[in-house]
Amino acid sequence: MTYKTEQESFWHGKFGDDYVDRNSEANKALVSGNINLFSKIISACDKIGSVMELGSNIGLNLVAIKYLMPELQDISAVEINEKAASILEQRGICKKIYRQSILDLGGGGRAARRAGGG
């Protein structure tokens, strides 16, 4: 796939794969820290009906959120790196995984910029 920005290519390629491996090795420690962080964030919110993480990698933030909010069903993610998206999919916590650049999401993406918006 051809990307229009250096950063998209960077995360889609080898650096993104290596980042997946580093996060996988540190999985338990990272989730534990994320649970602490998100418990504070969630306690400051009135009601959360859905969550979408942009650039979710293997979903460690989403694992923490699901742990804290097991009733939450509307969880989705955007991940450009296929290796990361596959691991995230195996976790089974996302209703939808967008395997694409966040720049290609509707509304403010490339199409809007080409048309003069966003």
PDB file of N, CA and C in Angstrom:
ATOM      1  N   MET A   1       0.845  -1.175   0.000  1.00  0.00           N
ATOM      2  CA  MET A   1       0.000   0.000   0.000  1.00  0.00           C
ATOM      3  C   MET A   1       0.890   1.239   0.000  1.00  0.00           C
ATOM      4  N   THR A   2       0.474   2.233  -0.707  1.00  0.00           N
ATOM      5  CA  THR A   2       1.202   3.494  -0.771  1.00  0.00           C
ATOM      6  C   THR A   2       0.514   4.509   0.122  1.00  0.00           C
ATOM      7  N   TYR A   3       1.307   5.165   0.955  1.00  0.00           N
ATOM      8  CA  TYR A   3       0.771   6.187   1.844  1.00  0.00           C
ATOM      9  C   TYR A   3       1.290   7.545   1.429  1.00  0.00           C
ATOM     10  N   LYS A   4       0.571   8.562   1.817  1.00  0.00           N
ATOM     11  CA  LYS A   4       0.910   9.916   1.414  1.00  0.00           C
ATOM     12  C   LYS A   4       1.815  10.627   2.411  1.00  0.00           C
ATOM     13  N   THR A   5       1.929  10.107   3.617  1.00  0.00           N
ATOM     14  CA  THR A   5       2.804  10.745   4.597  1.00  0.00           C
ATOM     15  C   THR A   5       3.875   9.756   5.045  1.00  0.00           C
ATOM     16  N   GLU A   6       4.999  10.303   5.438  1.00  0.00           N
ATOM     17  CA  GLU A   6       6.105   9.481   5.939  1.00  0.00           C
ATOM     18  C   GLU A   6       5.696   8.738   7.203  1.00  0.00           C
ATOM     19  N   GLN A   7       4.913   9.392   8.052  1.00  0.00           N
ATOM     20  CA  GLN A   7       4.498   8.782   9.305  1.00  0.00           C
ATOM     21  C   GLN A   7       3.602   7.555   9.075  1.00  0.00           C
ATOM     22  N   GLU A   8       2.722   7.613   8.095  1.00  0.00           N
ATOM     23  CA  GLU A   8       1.884   6.456   7.788  1.00  0.00           C
ATOM     24  C   GLU A   8       2.751   5.266   7.385  1.00  0.00           C
ATOM     25  N   SER A   9       3.709   5.487   6.508  1.00  0.00           N
ATOM     26  CA  SER A   9       4.599   4.414   6.061  1.00  0.00           C
ATOM     27  C   SER A   9       5.420   3.872   7.223  1.00  0.00           C
ATOM     28  N   PHE A  10       5.868   4.761   8.060  1.00  0.00           N
ATOM     29  CA  PHE A  10       6.666   4.425   9.235  1.00  0.00           C
ATOM     30  C   PHE A  10       5.917   3.456  10.140  1.00  0.00           C
ATOM     31  N   TRP A  11       4.672   3.787  10.499  1.00  0.00           N
ATOM     32  CA  TRP A  11       3.894   2.947  11.414  1.00  0.00           C
ATOM     33  C   TRP A  11       3.385   1.687  10.734  1.00  0.00           C
ATOM     34  N   HIS A  12       3.128   1.742   9.458  1.00  0.00           N
ATOM     35  CA  HIS A  12       2.642   0.571   8.736  1.00  0.00           C
ATOM     36  C   HIS A  12       3.737  -0.477   8.569  1.00  0.00           C
ATOM     37  N   GLY A  13       4.978  -0.058   8.512  1.00  0.00           N
ATOM     38  CA  GLY A  13       6.091  -0.937   8.174  1.00  0.00           C
ATOM     39  C   GLY A  13       6.829  -1.544   9.349  1.00  0.00           C
ATOM     40  N   LYS A  14       8.136  -1.714   9.171  1.00  0.00           N
ATOM     41  CA  LYS A  14       8.991  -2.414  10.139  1.00  0.00           C
ATOM     42  C   LYS A  14       8.979  -1.760  11.515  1.00  0.00           C
ATOM     43  N   PHE A  15       9.046  -0.427  11.578  1.00  0.00           N
ATOM     44  CA  PHE A  15       9.022   0.223  12.886  1.00  0.00           C
ATOM     45  C   PHE A  15       7.746  -0.157  13.633  1.00  0.00           C
ATOM     46  N   GLY A  16       6.612  -0.143  12.944  1.00  0.00           N
ATOM     47  CA  GLY A  16       5.344  -0.524  13.565  1.00  0.00           C
ATOM     48  C   GLY A  16       5.356  -1.967  14.038  1.00  0.00           C
ATOM     49  N   ASP A  17       5.920  -2.869  13.231  1.00  0.00           N
ATOM     50  CA  ASP A  17       6.027  -4.280  13.637  1.00  0.00           C
ATOM     51  C   ASP A  17       6.913  -4.419  14.874  1.00  0.00           C
ATOM     52  N   ASP A  18       8.042  -3.715  14.891  1.00  0.00           N
ATOM     53  CA  ASP A  18       8.941  -3.769  16.041  1.00  0.00           C
ATOM     54  C   ASP A  18       8.269  -3.213  17.289  1.00  0.00           C
ATOM     55  N   TYR A  19       7.468  -2.171  17.116  1.00  0.00           N
ATOM     56  CA  TYR A  19       6.735  -1.575  18.239  1.00  0.00           C
ATOM     57  C   TYR A  19       5.732  -2.575  18.811  1.00  0.00           C
ATOM     58  N   VAL A  20       5.093  -3.338  17.945  1.00  0.00           N
ATOM     59  CA  VAL A  20       4.180  -4.399  18.385  1.00  0.00           C
ATOM     60  C   VAL A  20       4.927  -5.377  19.276  1.00  0.00           C
ATOM     61  N   ASP A  21       6.107  -5.797  18.827  1.00  0.00           N
ATOM     62  CA  ASP A  21       6.898  -6.766  19.597  1.00  0.00           C
ATOM     63  C   ASP A  21       7.289  -6.199  20.966  1.00  0.00           C
ATOM     64  N   ARG A  22       7.710  -4.950  21.009  1.00  0.00           N
ATOM     65  CA  ARG A  22       8.083  -4.339  22.298  1.00  0.00           C
ATOM     66  C   ARG A  22       6.882  -4.259  23.233  1.00  0.00           C
ATOM     67  N   ASN A  23       5.723  -3.886  22.717  1.00  0.00           N
ATOM     68  CA  ASN A  23       4.520  -3.809  23.548  1.00  0.00           C
ATOM     69  C   ASN A  23       4.062  -5.181  24.004  1.00  0.00           C
ATOM     70  N   SER A  24       4.221  -6.190  23.177  1.00  0.00           N
ATOM     71  CA  SER A  24       3.811  -7.542  23.535  1.00  0.00           C
ATOM     72  C   SER A  24       4.635  -8.068  24.696  1.00  0.00           C
ATOM     73  N   GLU A  25       5.931  -7.762  24.697  1.00  0.00           N
ATOM     74  CA  GLU A  25       6.823  -8.219  25.765  1.00  0.00           C
ATOM     75  C   GLU A  25       6.494  -7.555  27.098  1.00  0.00           C
ATOM     76  N   ALA A  26       6.080  -6.310  27.062  1.00  0.00           N
ATOM     77  CA  ALA A  26       5.806  -5.550  28.285  1.00  0.00           C
ATOM     78  C   ALA A  26       4.316  -5.509  28.615  1.00  0.00           C
ATOM     79  N   ASN A  27       3.533  -6.371  28.003  1.00  0.00           N
ATOM     80  CA  ASN A  27       2.079  -6.368  28.056  1.00  0.00           C
ATOM     81  C   ASN A  27       1.504  -6.200  29.465  1.00  0.00           C
ATOM     82  N   LYS A  28       1.856  -7.062  30.400  1.00  0.00           N
ATOM     83  CA  LYS A  28       1.234  -7.040  31.727  1.00  0.00           C
ATOM     84  C   LYS A  28       1.524  -5.747  32.482  1.00  0.00           C
ATOM     85  N   ALA A  29       2.753  -5.299  32.442  1.00  0.00           N
ATOM     86  CA  ALA A  29       3.109  -4.069  33.153  1.00  0.00           C
ATOM     87  C   ALA A  29       2.387  -2.869  32.551  1.00  0.00           C
ATOM     88  N   LEU A  30       2.294  -2.825  31.228  1.00  0.00           N
ATOM     89  CA  LEU A  30       1.624  -1.702  30.575  1.00  0.00           C
ATOM     90  C   LEU A  30       0.133  -1.687  30.877  1.00  0.00           C
ATOM     91  N   VAL A  31      -0.513  -2.839  30.849  1.00  0.00           N
ATOM     92  CA  VAL A  31      -1.949  -2.899  31.146  1.00  0.00           C
ATOM     93  C   VAL A  31      -2.207  -2.474  32.582  1.00  0.00           C
ATOM     94  N   SER A  32      -1.369  -2.912  33.500  1.00  0.00           N
ATOM     95  CA  SER A  32      -1.537  -2.535  34.905  1.00  0.00           C
ATOM     96  C   SER A  32      -1.475  -1.018  35.078  1.00  0.00           C
ATOM     97  N   GLY A  33      -0.507  -0.381  34.453  1.00  0.00           N
ATOM     98  CA  GLY A  33      -0.410   1.074  34.512  1.00  0.00           C
ATOM     99  C   GLY A  33      -1.587   1.755  33.847  1.00  0.00           C
ATOM    100  N   ASN A  34      -2.053   1.173  32.739  1.00  0.00           N
ATOM    101  CA  ASN A  34      -3.200   1.732  32.023  1.00  0.00           C
ATOM    102  C   ASN A  34      -4.482   1.635  32.848  1.00  0.00           C
ATOM    103  N   ILE A  35      -4.643   0.559  33.591  1.00  0.00           N
ATOM    104  CA  ILE A  35      -5.820   0.402  34.449  1.00  0.00           C
ATOM    105  C   ILE A  35      -5.847   1.524  35.479  1.00  0.00           C
ATOM    106  N   ASN A  36      -4.708   1.804  36.062  1.00  0.00           N
ATOM    107  CA  ASN A  36      -4.622   2.895  37.037  1.00  0.00           C
ATOM    108  C   ASN A  36      -4.981   4.234  36.394  1.00  0.00           C
ATOM    109  N   LEU A  37      -4.396   4.510  35.246  1.00  0.00           N
ATOM    110  CA  LEU A  37      -4.665   5.760  34.535  1.00  0.00           C
ATOM    111  C   LEU A  37      -6.137   5.890  34.142  1.00  0.00           C
ATOM    112  N   PHE A  38      -6.674   4.863  33.494  1.00  0.00           N
ATOM    113  CA  PHE A  38      -8.046   4.955  32.995  1.00  0.00           C
ATOM    114  C   PHE A  38      -9.090   4.905  34.110  1.00  0.00           C
ATOM    115  N   SER A  39      -8.774   4.323  35.251  1.00  0.00           N
ATOM    116  CA  SER A  39      -9.726   4.371  36.371  1.00  0.00           C
ATOM    117  C   SER A  39      -9.946   5.813  36.806  1.00  0.00           C
ATOM    118  N   LYS A  40      -8.876   6.620  36.766  1.00  0.00           N
ATOM    119  CA  LYS A  40      -8.996   8.041  37.112  1.00  0.00           C
ATOM    120  C   LYS A  40      -9.774   8.802  36.037  1.00  0.00           C
ATOM    121  N   ILE A  41      -9.481   8.515  34.795  1.00  0.00           N
ATOM    122  CA  ILE A  41     -10.173   9.190  33.686  1.00  0.00           C
ATOM    123  C   ILE A  41     -11.660   8.846  33.692  1.00  0.00           C
ATOM    124  N   ILE A  42     -11.970   7.573  33.817  1.00  0.00           N
ATOM    125  CA  ILE A  42     -13.365   7.114  33.788  1.00  0.00           C
ATOM    126  C   ILE A  42     -14.153   7.696  34.964  1.00  0.00           C
ATOM    127  N   SER A  43     -13.525   7.771  36.123  1.00  0.00           N
ATOM    128  CA  SER A  43     -14.236   8.307  37.297  1.00  0.00           C
ATOM    129  C   SER A  43     -14.592   9.786  37.127  1.00  0.00           C
ATOM    130  N   ALA A  44     -13.914  10.478  36.237  1.00  0.00           N
ATOM    131  CA  ALA A  44     -14.201  11.895  35.988  1.00  0.00           C
ATOM    132  C   ALA A  44     -15.250  12.096  34.899  1.00  0.00           C
ATOM    133  N   CYS A  45     -15.733  11.020  34.303  1.00  0.00           N
ATOM    134  CA  CYS A  45     -16.716  11.102  33.215  1.00  0.00           C
ATOM    135  C   CYS A  45     -18.114  10.803  33.727  1.00  0.00           C
ATOM    136  N   ASP A  46     -19.107  11.451  33.116  1.00  0.00           N
ATOM    137  CA  ASP A  46     -20.495  11.185  33.487  1.00  0.00           C
ATOM    138  C   ASP A  46     -20.950   9.828  32.972  1.00  0.00           C
ATOM    139  N   LYS A  47     -20.901   9.649  31.667  1.00  0.00           N
ATOM    140  CA  LYS A  47     -21.353   8.393  31.066  1.00  0.00           C
ATOM    141  C   LYS A  47     -20.524   8.154  29.810  1.00  0.00           C
ATOM    142  N   ILE A  48     -20.091   6.928  29.651  1.00  0.00           N
ATOM    143  CA  ILE A  48     -19.333   6.558  28.461  1.00  0.00           C
ATOM    144  C   ILE A  48     -20.127   5.479  27.742  1.00  0.00           C
ATOM    145  N   GLY A  49     -20.547   5.787  26.525  1.00  0.00           N
ATOM    146  CA  GLY A  49     -21.339   4.837  25.752  1.00  0.00           C
ATOM    147  C   GLY A  49     -20.539   4.114  24.686  1.00  0.00           C
ATOM    148  N   SER A  50     -19.419   4.727  24.295  1.00  0.00           N
ATOM    149  CA  SER A  50     -18.580   4.099  23.274  1.00  0.00           C
ATOM    150  C   SER A  50     -17.163   4.638  23.394  1.00  0.00           C
ATOM    151  N   VAL A  51     -16.234   3.853  22.860  1.00  0.00           N
ATOM    152  CA  VAL A  51     -14.827   4.240  22.860  1.00  0.00           C
ATOM    153  C   VAL A  51     -14.243   3.883  21.502  1.00  0.00           C
ATOM    154  N   MET A  52     -13.489   4.828  20.930  1.00  0.00           N
ATOM    155  CA  MET A  52     -12.718   4.548  19.721  1.00  0.00           C
ATOM    156  C   MET A  52     -11.298   5.031  19.972  1.00  0.00           C
ATOM    157  N   GLU A  53     -10.349   4.135  19.830  1.00  0.00           N
ATOM    158  CA  GLU A  53      -8.954   4.520  19.986  1.00  0.00           C
ATOM    159  C   GLU A  53      -8.317   4.658  18.613  1.00  0.00           C
ATOM    160  N   LEU A  54      -7.663   5.776  18.401  1.00  0.00           N
ATOM    161  CA  LEU A  54      -6.962   6.042  17.148  1.00  0.00           C
ATOM    162  C   LEU A  54      -5.498   5.664  17.334  1.00  0.00           C
ATOM    163  N   GLY A  55      -5.021   4.753  16.516  1.00  0.00           N
ATOM    164  CA  GLY A  55      -3.654   4.273  16.666  1.00  0.00           C
ATOM    165  C   GLY A  55      -3.532   3.357  17.862  1.00  0.00           C
ATOM    166  N   SER A  56      -4.366   2.340  17.907  1.00  0.00           N
ATOM    167  CA  SER A  56      -4.497   1.483  19.087  1.00  0.00           C
ATOM    168  C   SER A  56      -3.377   0.478  19.271  1.00  0.00           C
ATOM    169  N   ASN A  57      -2.571   0.235  18.249  1.00  0.00           N
ATOM    170  CA  ASN A  57      -1.548  -0.795  18.303  1.00  0.00           C
ATOM    171  C   ASN A  57      -2.213  -2.103  18.727  1.00  0.00           C
ATOM    172  N   ILE A  58      -1.713  -2.802  19.729  1.00  0.00           N
ATOM    173  CA  ILE A  58      -2.279  -4.102  20.102  1.00  0.00           C
ATOM    174  C   ILE A  58      -3.419  -3.977  21.111  1.00  0.00           C
ATOM    175  N   GLY A  59      -3.817  -2.751  21.416  1.00  0.00           N
ATOM    176  CA  GLY A  59      -5.017  -2.531  22.220  1.00  0.00           C
ATOM    177  C   GLY A  59      -4.843  -2.528  23.722  1.00  0.00           C
ATOM    178  N   LEU A  60      -3.643  -2.214  24.224  1.00  0.00           N
ATOM    179  CA  LEU A  60      -3.444  -2.243  25.670  1.00  0.00           C
ATOM    180  C   LEU A  60      -4.308  -1.231  26.407  1.00  0.00           C
ATOM    181  N   ASN A  61      -4.536  -0.069  25.827  1.00  0.00           N
ATOM    182  CA  ASN A  61      -5.455   0.898  26.449  1.00  0.00           C
ATOM    183  C   ASN A  61      -6.872   0.345  26.465  1.00  0.00           C
ATOM    184  N   LEU A  62      -7.268  -0.285  25.378  1.00  0.00           N
ATOM    185  CA  LEU A  62      -8.627  -0.834  25.288  1.00  0.00           C
ATOM    186  C   LEU A  62      -8.822  -2.021  26.232  1.00  0.00           C
ATOM    187  N   VAL A  63      -7.784  -2.809  26.438  1.00  0.00           N
ATOM    188  CA  VAL A  63      -7.857  -3.911  27.417  1.00  0.00           C
ATOM    189  C   VAL A  63      -8.133  -3.343  28.804  1.00  0.00           C
ATOM    190  N   ALA A  64      -7.417  -2.283  29.161  1.00  0.00           N
ATOM    191  CA  ALA A  64      -7.618  -1.655  30.471  1.00  0.00           C
ATOM    192  C   ALA A  64      -9.036  -1.092  30.602  1.00  0.00           C
ATOM    193  N   ILE A  65      -9.504  -0.420  29.565  1.00  0.00           N
ATOM    194  CA  ILE A  65     -10.852   0.155  29.591  1.00  0.00           C
ATOM    195  C   ILE A  65     -11.900  -0.946  29.709  1.00  0.00           C
ATOM    196  N   LYS A  66     -11.746  -2.014  28.959  1.00  0.00           N
ATOM    197  CA  LYS A  66     -12.708  -3.129  29.026  1.00  0.00           C
ATOM    198  C   LYS A  66     -12.683  -3.792  30.405  1.00  0.00           C
ATOM    199  N   TYR A  67     -11.516  -3.883  31.010  1.00  0.00           N
ATOM    200  CA  TYR A  67     -11.400  -4.436  32.364  1.00  0.00           C
ATOM    201  C   TYR A  67     -12.202  -3.586  33.351  1.00  0.00           C
ATOM    202  N   LEU A  68     -12.085  -2.273  33.199  1.00  0.00           N
ATOM    203  CA  LEU A  68     -12.776  -1.354  34.100  1.00  0.00           C
ATOM    204  C   LEU A  68     -14.259  -1.203  33.789  1.00  0.00           C
ATOM    205  N   MET A  69     -14.619  -1.444  32.532  1.00  0.00           N
ATOM    206  CA  MET A  69     -16.007  -1.281  32.092  1.00  0.00           C
ATOM    207  C   MET A  69     -16.437  -2.518  31.293  1.00  0.00           C
ATOM    208  N   PRO A  70     -16.572  -3.661  31.935  1.00  0.00           N
ATOM    209  CA  PRO A  70     -16.885  -4.890  31.197  1.00  0.00           C
ATOM    210  C   PRO A  70     -18.219  -4.838  30.447  1.00  0.00           C
ATOM    211  N   GLU A  71     -19.110  -3.945  30.866  1.00  0.00           N
ATOM    212  CA  GLU A  71     -20.413  -3.821  30.202  1.00  0.00           C
ATOM    213  C   GLU A  71     -20.326  -3.033  28.890  1.00  0.00           C
ATOM    214  N   LEU A  72     -19.246  -2.319  28.666  1.00  0.00           N
ATOM    215  CA  LEU A  72     -19.088  -1.500  27.467  1.00  0.00           C
ATOM    216  C   LEU A  72     -18.941  -2.403  26.240  1.00  0.00           C
ATOM    217  N   GLN A  73     -19.860  -2.261  25.299  1.00  0.00           N
ATOM    218  CA  GLN A  73     -19.869  -3.108  24.103  1.00  0.00           C
ATOM    219  C   GLN A  73     -19.384  -2.389  22.850  1.00  0.00           C
ATOM    220  N   ASP A  74     -19.528  -1.079  22.814  1.00  0.00           N
ATOM    221  CA  ASP A  74     -19.206  -0.315  21.603  1.00  0.00           C
ATOM    222  C   ASP A  74     -17.769   0.202  21.672  1.00  0.00           C
ATOM    223  N   ILE A  75     -16.822  -0.701  21.415  1.00  0.00           N
ATOM    224  CA  ILE A  75     -15.398  -0.376  21.414  1.00  0.00           C
ATOM    225  C   ILE A  75     -14.882  -0.595  20.002  1.00  0.00           C
ATOM    226  N   SER A  76     -14.210   0.404  19.475  1.00  0.00           N
ATOM    227  CA  SER A  76     -13.621   0.260  18.148  1.00  0.00           C
ATOM    228  C   SER A  76     -12.221   0.856  18.150  1.00  0.00           C
ATOM    229  N   ALA A  77     -11.484   0.545  17.094  1.00  0.00           N
ATOM    230  CA  ALA A  77     -10.090   0.975  17.011  1.00  0.00           C
ATOM    231  C   ALA A  77      -9.718   1.254  15.562  1.00  0.00           C
ATOM    232  N   VAL A  78      -8.746   2.126  15.400  1.00  0.00           N
ATOM    233  CA  VAL A  78      -8.155   2.394  14.096  1.00  0.00           C
ATOM    234  C   VAL A  78      -6.675   2.045  14.224  1.00  0.00           C
ATOM    235  N   GLU A  79      -6.208   1.142  13.386  1.00  0.00           N
ATOM    236  CA  GLU A  79      -4.806   0.725  13.443  1.00  0.00           C
ATOM    237  C   GLU A  79      -4.280   0.476  12.039  1.00  0.00           C
ATOM    238  N   ILE A  80      -3.207   1.146  11.693  1.00  0.00           N
ATOM    239  CA  ILE A  80      -2.629   1.070  10.349  1.00  0.00           C
ATOM    240  C   ILE A  80      -1.723  -0.155  10.173  1.00  0.00           C
ATOM    241  N   ASN A  81      -1.170  -0.657  11.275  1.00  0.00           N
ATOM    242  CA  ASN A  81      -0.229  -1.773  11.204  1.00  0.00           C
ATOM    243  C   ASN A  81      -0.984  -3.099  11.259  1.00  0.00           C
ATOM    244  N   GLU A  82      -0.819  -3.911  10.239  1.00  0.00           N
ATOM    245  CA  GLU A  82      -1.575  -5.165  10.131  1.00  0.00           C
ATOM    246  C   GLU A  82      -1.239  -6.145  11.252  1.00  0.00           C
ATOM    247  N   LYS A  83       0.025  -6.224  11.622  1.00  0.00           N
ATOM    248  CA  LYS A  83       0.428  -7.134  12.706  1.00  0.00           C
ATOM    249  C   LYS A  83      -0.278  -6.744  14.007  1.00  0.00           C
ATOM    250  N   ALA A  84      -0.295  -5.460  14.312  1.00  0.00           N
ATOM    251  CA  ALA A  84      -0.965  -4.973  15.520  1.00  0.00           C
ATOM    252  C   ALA A  84      -2.469  -5.211  15.444  1.00  0.00           C
ATOM    253  N   ALA A  85      -3.067  -4.919  14.288  1.00  0.00           N
ATOM    254  CA  ALA A  85      -4.519  -5.093  14.126  1.00  0.00           C
ATOM    255  C   ALA A  85      -4.920  -6.554  14.294  1.00  0.00           C
ATOM    256  N   SER A  86      -4.088  -7.463  13.828  1.00  0.00           N
ATOM    257  CA  SER A  86      -4.392  -8.897  13.974  1.00  0.00           C
ATOM    258  C   SER A  86      -4.381  -9.324  15.435  1.00  0.00           C
ATOM    259  N   ILE A  87      -3.398  -8.839  16.196  1.00  0.00           N
ATOM    260  CA  ILE A  87      -3.351  -9.160  17.627  1.00  0.00           C
ATOM    261  C   ILE A  87      -4.548  -8.537  18.338  1.00  0.00           C
ATOM    262  N   LEU A  88      -4.854  -7.315  17.997  1.00  0.00           N
ATOM    263  CA  LEU A  88      -6.015  -6.637  18.578  1.00  0.00           C
ATOM    264  C   LEU A  88      -7.295  -7.418  18.284  1.00  0.00           C
ATOM    265  N   GLU A  89      -7.437  -7.889  17.062  1.00  0.00           N
ATOM    266  CA  GLU A  89      -8.615  -8.670  16.694  1.00  0.00           C
ATOM    267  C   GLU A  89      -8.715  -9.953  17.517  1.00  0.00           C
ATOM    268  N   GLN A  90      -7.592 -10.603  17.751  1.00  0.00           N
ATOM    269  CA  GLN A  90      -7.574 -11.837  18.550  1.00  0.00           C
ATOM    270  C   GLN A  90      -8.035 -11.598  19.989  1.00  0.00           C
ATOM    271  N   ARG A  91      -7.869 -10.389  20.479  1.00  0.00           N
ATOM    272  CA  ARG A  91      -8.307 -10.066  21.845  1.00  0.00           C
ATOM    273  C   ARG A  91      -9.831 -10.120  21.971  1.00  0.00           C
ATOM    274  N   GLY A  92     -10.546  -9.881  20.869  1.00  0.00           N
ATOM    275  CA  GLY A  92     -11.996 -10.005  20.853  1.00  0.00           C
ATOM    276  C   GLY A  92     -12.750  -8.930  21.608  1.00  0.00           C
ATOM    277  N   ILE A  93     -12.162  -7.770  21.812  1.00  0.00           N
ATOM    278  CA  ILE A  93     -12.860  -6.724  22.572  1.00  0.00           C
ATOM    279  C   ILE A  93     -13.440  -5.626  21.688  1.00  0.00           C
ATOM    280  N   CYS A  94     -13.047  -5.591  20.424  1.00  0.00           N
ATOM    281  CA  CYS A  94     -13.508  -4.520  19.543  1.00  0.00           C
ATOM    282  C   CYS A  94     -14.695  -4.954  18.696  1.00  0.00           C
ATOM    283  N   LYS A  95     -15.678  -4.088  18.659  1.00  0.00           N
ATOM    284  CA  LYS A  95     -16.823  -4.283  17.770  1.00  0.00           C
ATOM    285  C   LYS A  95     -16.375  -4.105  16.320  1.00  0.00           C
ATOM    286  N   LYS A  96     -15.448  -3.150  16.111  1.00  0.00           N
ATOM    287  CA  LYS A  96     -14.957  -2.856  14.763  1.00  0.00           C
ATOM    288  C   LYS A  96     -13.505  -2.405  14.858  1.00  0.00           C
ATOM    289  N   ILE A  97     -12.677  -2.926  13.950  1.00  0.00           N
ATOM    290  CA  ILE A  97     -11.300  -2.476  13.811  1.00  0.00           C
ATOM    291  C   ILE A  97     -11.144  -1.934  12.399  1.00  0.00           C
ATOM    292  N   TYR A  98     -10.782  -0.677  12.308  1.00  0.00           N
ATOM    293  CA  TYR A  98     -10.538  -0.044  11.017  1.00  0.00           C
ATOM    294  C   TYR A  98      -9.051  -0.212  10.712  1.00  0.00           C
ATOM    295  N   ARG A  99      -8.743  -1.032   9.751  1.00  0.00           N
ATOM    296  CA  ARG A  99      -7.352  -1.330   9.385  1.00  0.00           C
ATOM    297  C   ARG A  99      -6.923  -0.339   8.313  1.00  0.00           C
ATOM    298  N   GLN A 100      -6.659   0.866   8.766  1.00  0.00           N
ATOM    299  CA  GLN A 100      -6.367   1.952   7.837  1.00  0.00           C
ATOM    300  C   GLN A 100      -5.706   3.094   8.580  1.00  0.00           C
ATOM    301  N   SER A 101      -5.316   4.094   7.836  1.00  0.00           N
ATOM    302  CA  SER A 101      -4.777   5.316   8.412  1.00  0.00           C
ATOM    303  C   SER A 101      -5.912   6.132   9.024  1.00  0.00           C
ATOM    304  N   ILE A 102      -5.618   6.815  10.117  1.00  0.00           N
ATOM    305  CA  ILE A 102      -6.636   7.704  10.687  1.00  0.00           C
ATOM    306  C   ILE A 102      -6.950   8.845   9.736  1.00  0.00           C
ATOM    307  N   LEU A 103      -6.037   9.116   8.810  1.00  0.00           N
ATOM    308  CA  LEU A 103      -6.279  10.169   7.822  1.00  0.00           C
ATOM    309  C   LEU A 103      -7.357   9.784   6.815  1.00  0.00           C
ATOM    310  N   ASP A 104      -7.685   8.500   6.753  1.00  0.00           N
ATOM    311  CA  ASP A 104      -8.699   8.031   5.819  1.00  0.00           C
ATOM    312  C   ASP A 104     -10.078   7.870   6.449  1.00  0.00           C
ATOM    313  N   LEU A 105     -10.224   8.235   7.725  1.00  0.00           N
ATOM    314  CA  LEU A 105     -11.543   8.190   8.357  1.00  0.00           C
ATOM    315  C   LEU A 105     -12.411   9.278   7.755  1.00  0.00           C
ATOM    316  N   GLY A 106     -13.706   9.080   7.754  1.00  0.00           N
ATOM    317  CA  GLY A 106     -14.634  10.048   7.174  1.00  0.00           C
ATOM    318  C   GLY A 106     -14.582  11.409   7.842  1.00  0.00           C
ATOM    319  N   GLY A 107     -15.118  12.384   7.178  1.00  0.00           N
ATOM    320  CA  GLY A 107     -15.220  13.729   7.741  1.00  0.00           C
ATOM    321  C   GLY A 107     -13.981  14.565   7.528  1.00  0.00           C
ATOM    322  N   GLY A 108     -12.959  14.366   8.348  1.00  0.00           N
ATOM    323  CA  GLY A 108     -11.786  15.220   8.292  1.00  0.00           C
ATOM    324  C   GLY A 108     -10.600  14.591   7.582  1.00  0.00           C
ATOM    325  N   GLY A 109     -10.824  13.540   6.824  1.00  0.00           N
ATOM    326  CA  GLY A 109      -9.725  12.837   6.187  1.00  0.00           C
ATOM    327  C   GLY A 109      -9.251  13.505   4.914  1.00  0.00           C
ATOM    328  N   ARG A 110      -8.503  12.766   4.119  1.00  0.00           N
ATOM    329  CA  ARG A 110      -7.922  13.308   2.886  1.00  0.00           C
ATOM    330  C   ARG A 110      -8.970  13.836   1.932  1.00  0.00           C
ATOM    331  N   ALA A 111     -10.085  13.127   1.832  1.00  0.00           N
ATOM    332  CA  ALA A 111     -11.125  13.561   0.882  1.00  0.00           C
ATOM    333  C   ALA A 111     -11.628  14.955   1.245  1.00  0.00           C
ATOM    334  N   ALA A 112     -11.807  15.212   2.539  1.00  0.00           N
ATOM    335  CA  ALA A 112     -12.263  16.525   2.973  1.00  0.00           C
ATOM    336  C   ALA A 112     -11.210  17.592   2.684  1.00  0.00           C
ATOM    337  N   ARG A 113      -9.932  17.254   2.896  1.00  0.00           N
ATOM    338  CA  ARG A 113      -8.866  18.230   2.639  1.00  0.00           C
ATOM    339  C   ARG A 113      -8.776  18.528   1.147  1.00  0.00           C
ATOM    340  N   ARG A 114      -8.916  17.495   0.318  1.00  0.00           N
ATOM    341  CA  ARG A 114      -8.856  17.719  -1.127  1.00  0.00           C
ATOM    342  C   ARG A 114     -10.001  18.606  -1.580  1.00  0.00           C
ATOM    343  N   ALA A 115     -11.138  18.489  -0.884  1.00  0.00           N
ATOM    344  CA  ALA A 115     -12.309  19.295  -1.257  1.00  0.00           C
ATOM    345  C   ALA A 115     -12.281  20.674  -0.592  1.00  0.00           C
ATOM    346  N   GLY A 116     -11.217  20.944   0.163  1.00  0.00           N
ATOM    347  CA  GLY A 116     -11.102  22.255   0.799  1.00  0.00           C
ATOM    348  C   GLY A 116     -11.558  22.294   2.228  1.00  0.00           C
ATOM    349  N   GLY A 117     -12.012  21.173   2.780  1.00  0.00           N
ATOM    350  CA  GLY A 117     -12.448  21.135   4.179  1.00  0.00           C
ATOM    351  C   GLY A 117     -11.346  20.637   5.082  1.00  0.00           C
ATOM    352  N   GLY A 118     -11.647  20.482   6.385  1.00  0.00           N
ATOM    353  CA  GLY A 118     -10.776  19.887   7.404  1.00  0.00           C
ATOM    354  C   GLY A 118      -9.392  20.289   7.348  1.00  0.00           C
TER     355      GLY A 118
END
